[in-house]
Protein backbone atom coordinates (compact mmCIF):
# COMPACT_ATOMS: atom_id res chain seq x y z
CA MET A 1 5.41 14.55 0.66
CA ARG A 2 7.50 16.67 3.20
CA ARG A 3 6.35 18.29 5.93
CA ARG A 4 7.20 21.87 6.76
CA ILE A 5 4.30 22.89 9.47
CA ASP A 6 5.63 21.37 13.04
CA ALA A 7 3.04 19.32 13.73
CA PRO A 8 2.03 19.56 17.46
CA ALA A 9 1.88 23.60 17.29
CA ALA A 10 -0.53 23.26 14.02
CA ARG A 11 -2.83 21.14 15.88
CA GLU A 12 -2.72 23.26 19.05
CA LEU A 13 -4.23 25.62 16.71
CA LEU A 14 -6.41 23.83 14.93
CA ALA A 15 -7.66 23.32 18.23
CA VAL A 16 -7.76 27.14 19.27
CA TYR A 17 -10.45 27.75 16.12
CA ALA A 18 -12.83 24.78 16.58
CA ARG A 19 -12.72 26.01 19.89
CA THR A 20 -12.94 29.65 19.33
CA GLY A 21 -13.53 30.39 15.37
CA SER A 22 -10.85 32.69 14.55
CA LEU A 23 -6.98 32.82 14.78
CA ASP A 24 -4.57 36.35 13.71
CA GLU A 25 -3.52 35.47 10.60
CA PRO A 26 -0.06 34.77 10.73
CA GLU A 27 -1.92 31.70 12.43
CA LYS A 28 -4.64 31.17 10.13
CA LYS A 29 -2.17 30.58 7.80
CA ILE A 30 0.72 28.03 9.48
CA ALA A 31 -3.15 26.42 10.69
CA ALA A 32 -4.24 26.14 6.95
CA ARG A 33 -1.27 25.13 5.71
CA PHE A 34 -0.81 22.11 7.90
CA ALA A 35 -3.99 21.08 6.65
CA LEU A 36 -3.12 21.42 3.63
CA GLU A 37 -0.61 18.89 3.70
CA GLU A 38 -1.79 16.71 5.95
CA PHE A 39 -4.91 16.21 3.60
CA ALA A 40 -2.07 15.22 0.81
CA HIS A 41 -0.90 12.99 3.09
CA ARG A 42 -3.65 11.45 3.49
CA TYR A 43 -4.77 11.36 -0.20
CA PRO A 44 -2.57 11.36 -2.11
CA GLY A 45 -2.00 11.41 -5.98
CA ARG A 46 -2.42 14.69 -8.60
CA SER A 47 -5.99 14.76 -9.53
CA VAL A 48 -7.20 17.49 -7.65
CA GLU A 49 -5.49 20.68 -6.87
CA ILE A 50 -6.63 22.78 -3.67
CA ARG A 51 -5.83 26.40 -3.26
CA ILE A 52 -5.66 28.34 -0.61
CA PRO A 53 -4.97 32.05 -2.00
CA TRP A 54 -2.07 33.64 -0.74
CA VAL A 55 -1.44 30.43 1.89
CA GLY A 56 -0.70 27.05 -0.87
CA ALA A 57 -1.39 24.79 -2.33
CA VAL A 58 -1.55 20.95 -2.86
CA GLN A 59 -2.81 18.59 -4.97
CA ALA A 60 -3.75 15.33 -3.63
CA ILE A 61 -6.25 12.54 -4.06
CA ALA A 62 -5.18 9.12 -6.89
CA GLY A 63 -6.83 9.24 -10.17
CA PRO A 64 -5.00 10.70 -13.96
CA ILE A 65 -2.63 13.31 -13.29
CA HIS A 66 -1.72 16.33 -14.55
CA THR A 67 1.17 18.26 -15.88
CA ARG A 68 1.22 21.37 -17.13
CA GLY A 69 -1.14 24.59 -17.19
CA THR A 70 -4.18 24.68 -15.31
CA PRO A 71 -5.24 21.43 -13.54
CA PRO A 72 -9.00 20.42 -14.95
CA ASN A 73 -10.07 19.73 -11.08
CA VAL A 74 -9.20 22.40 -8.85
CA VAL A 75 -10.98 24.06 -5.49
CA GLU A 76 -10.39 27.42 -4.45
CA ILE A 77 -11.04 28.19 -1.03
CA ASP A 78 -10.47 30.96 1.91
CA ALA A 79 -8.78 30.01 4.60
CA ASP A 80 -11.47 30.45 7.15
CA THR A 81 -13.59 28.34 4.91
CA TRP A 82 -11.08 25.62 5.12
CA LEU A 83 -10.78 25.51 8.44
CA ALA A 84 -14.00 24.98 9.03
CA ALA A 85 -13.97 22.11 6.62
CA VAL A 86 -11.54 20.40 7.45
CA LEU A 87 -12.84 20.43 11.21
CA GLY A 88 -16.71 19.42 9.71
CA MET A 89 -18.12 22.39 11.34
CA THR A 90 -20.81 24.58 8.94
CA ILE A 91 -19.49 26.02 5.84
CA ASP A 92 -20.96 28.03 2.87
CA PRO A 93 -21.01 26.27 -0.09
CA LYS A 94 -20.84 29.40 -1.56
CA ARG A 95 -17.37 30.78 -0.53
CA ILE A 96 -15.90 27.48 -2.35
CA SER A 97 -14.79 27.53 -6.29
CA TYR A 98 -14.92 23.83 -8.09
CA SER A 99 -13.81 23.24 -11.44
CA GLY A 100 -13.72 19.91 -12.46
CA THR A 101 -15.50 16.50 -12.41
CA ARG A 102 -13.08 15.26 -9.34
CA ALA A 103 -13.38 19.02 -7.01
CA ASP A 104 -15.65 17.88 -4.68
CA ILE A 105 -13.73 17.17 -2.41
CA SER A 106 -16.48 16.41 0.59
CA GLN A 107 -16.51 13.10 0.57
CA TYR A 108 -13.04 13.29 2.49
CA LEU A 109 -13.80 16.06 4.62
CA PRO A 110 -13.74 16.25 7.72
CA LEU A 111 -10.08 15.60 8.89
CA PHE A 112 -9.99 16.27 12.00
CA THR A 113 -12.22 16.29 15.65
CA LEU A 114 -12.43 17.78 18.96
CA ALA A 115 -12.56 15.14 21.68
CA GLY A 116 -12.38 15.32 25.24
CA GLU A 117 -11.37 18.71 26.80
CA GLY A 118 -11.11 20.07 23.62
CA SER A 119 -8.04 18.03 21.84
CA LEU A 120 -7.77 17.62 18.17
CA VAL A 121 -7.89 13.44 16.52
CA GLN A 122 -7.70 12.79 13.30
CA ASP A 123 -10.51 11.40 11.69
CA ARG A 124 -9.61 8.17 10.83
CA SER A 125 -12.89 6.58 10.14
CA LYS A 126 -13.25 8.41 6.70
CA HIS A 127 -9.79 7.97 6.08
CA ASP A 128 -10.44 4.48 6.46
CA ALA A 129 -13.37 3.91 4.44
CA ALA A 130 -11.82 5.65 1.54
CA THR A 131 -9.17 4.03 1.04
CA ALA A 132 -10.25 0.32 1.91
CA TYR A 133 -11.57 -0.11 -1.96
């Protein structure tokens, strides 16, 4: 997947969101799109589509692929809930719409954590464990 969002700038936005719980709308869209890109990069595939209305969508996670029409495994989530989920913050599961047997992506989250002094780091432990087999 070709990256479209500037990673260092987006990581800084994610760090700000992790510390404050808010960003302005353009910044929130950039951070959410970057997190979508990162998710698809770490978990390549086309078995699950993650949609954030008015922000973006990606297909990810290895498994049966989908080629036409509405995908059988869809996660629809708003930008704030997505950012909280990828940062390991508390979320309200009622704000996430799942359809399909493979649509529970909680085992792949969080994508990022805060290190000392509020800097953002990738949470590699989950990634490595999920791809070890």
